Amino acid sequence: MASVDIHWMSTGDAARRLGVTVRTLYRLIDEGELPAYKFGRVIRLQQNEVDDFISHSRIEPGKLQHLYPDARRELSEAEHSLG
């Protein structure tokens, strides 16, 4: 049987890697966004799963237009006045 090296991260290390607070990390874990493992009183995360979470969190172009509707309208009006 092949052995697999698992690189475990503490919650503090995982939070720093994600650029969030430990409290936010616990929320991500509790909401099922990020898998974690409890060994006695210690919570650990697998580094590859944290890296996968980061990769899958990438924002695709065009997904944030709802956050700046005024800028989009102003651009449309400016383009219309030029044409």
Protein backbone atom coordinates (compact mmCIF):
# COMPACT_ATOMS: atom_id res chain seq x y z
CA MET A 1 0.00 0.00 0.00
CA ALA A 2 1.37 3.41 -0.97
CA SER A 3 1.81 5.89 1.82
CA VAL A 4 0.54 9.42 1.36
CA ASP A 5 2.14 12.29 3.24
CA ILE A 6 -0.54 14.58 4.61
CA HIS A 7 0.61 18.08 5.51
CA TRP A 8 -1.52 19.27 8.40
CA MET A 9 -2.08 22.94 9.23
CA SER A 10 -3.19 24.53 12.46
CA THR A 11 -6.21 26.81 12.36
CA GLY A 12 -3.90 29.80 12.85
CA ASP A 13 -1.67 28.80 9.95
CA ALA A 14 -4.66 28.10 7.70
CA ALA A 15 -6.25 31.44 8.60
CA ARG A 16 -3.02 33.29 7.81
CA ARG A 17 -2.70 31.42 4.50
CA LEU A 18 -6.25 32.48 3.58
CA GLY A 19 -5.79 36.02 4.89
CA VAL A 20 -8.76 35.75 7.26
CA THR A 21 -9.25 35.69 11.01
CA VAL A 22 -9.45 32.40 12.88
CA ARG A 23 -13.08 33.26 13.62
CA THR A 24 -13.81 33.51 9.88
CA LEU A 25 -11.98 30.23 9.34
CA TYR A 26 -14.21 28.54 11.94
CA ARG A 27 -17.27 29.92 10.13
CA LEU A 28 -16.02 28.52 6.80
CA ILE A 29 -15.50 25.15 8.49
CA ASP A 30 -18.89 25.22 10.23
CA GLU A 31 -20.70 26.14 6.99
CA GLY A 32 -19.05 23.23 5.18
CA GLU A 33 -17.00 25.46 2.89
CA LEU A 34 -13.69 24.10 4.15
CA PRO A 35 -13.07 20.58 5.49
CA ALA A 36 -11.37 20.23 8.86
CA TYR A 37 -10.53 17.40 11.24
CA LYS A 38 -10.69 17.24 15.01
CA PHE A 39 -8.13 15.18 16.91
CA GLY A 40 -9.11 15.38 20.56
CA ARG A 41 -9.23 19.11 21.27
CA VAL A 42 -7.14 20.07 18.25
CA ILE A 43 -8.60 21.11 14.88
CA ARG A 44 -6.38 20.63 11.85
CA LEU A 45 -6.78 21.22 8.13
CA GLN A 46 -5.03 19.49 5.26
CA GLN A 47 -2.82 21.91 3.34
CA ASN A 48 -3.93 20.51 -0.03
CA GLU A 49 -7.60 21.10 0.89
CA VAL A 50 -6.84 24.69 1.92
CA ASP A 51 -5.01 25.19 -1.38
CA ASP A 52 -7.99 23.67 -3.26
CA PHE A 53 -10.32 26.07 -1.44
CA ILE A 54 -8.14 28.98 -2.57
CA SER A 55 -8.12 27.75 -6.18
CA HIS A 56 -11.89 27.27 -6.26
CA SER A 57 -12.46 30.73 -4.77
CA ARG A 58 -11.07 32.49 -7.84
CA ILE A 59 -13.48 35.08 -9.19
CA GLU A 60 -14.26 34.72 -12.87
CA PRO A 61 -14.50 37.90 -14.97
CA GLY A 62 -17.99 39.39 -15.10
CA LYS A 63 -19.16 37.94 -11.77
CA LEU A 64 -18.98 41.17 -9.76
CA GLN A 65 -21.02 43.55 -11.91
CA HIS A 66 -23.79 43.56 -9.31
CA LEU A 67 -21.36 45.30 -6.93
CA TYR A 68 -20.89 48.39 -9.08
CA PRO A 69 -24.15 49.06 -10.99
CA ASP A 70 -23.69 52.86 -10.93
CA ALA A 71 -20.27 52.66 -12.60
CA ARG A 72 -21.67 50.37 -15.29
CA ARG A 73 -24.56 52.77 -15.95
CA GLU A 74 -22.19 55.75 -16.11
CA LEU A 75 -19.97 53.92 -18.60
CA SER A 76 -22.98 53.05 -20.73
CA GLU A 77 -24.18 56.67 -20.69
CA ALA A 78 -20.69 57.94 -21.58
CA GLU A 79 -20.43 55.50 -24.49
CA HIS A 80 -23.90 56.51 -25.68
CA SER A 81 -23.06 60.23 -25.61
CA LEU A 82 -19.89 59.61 -27.64
CA GLY A 83 -21.74 57.61 -30.29
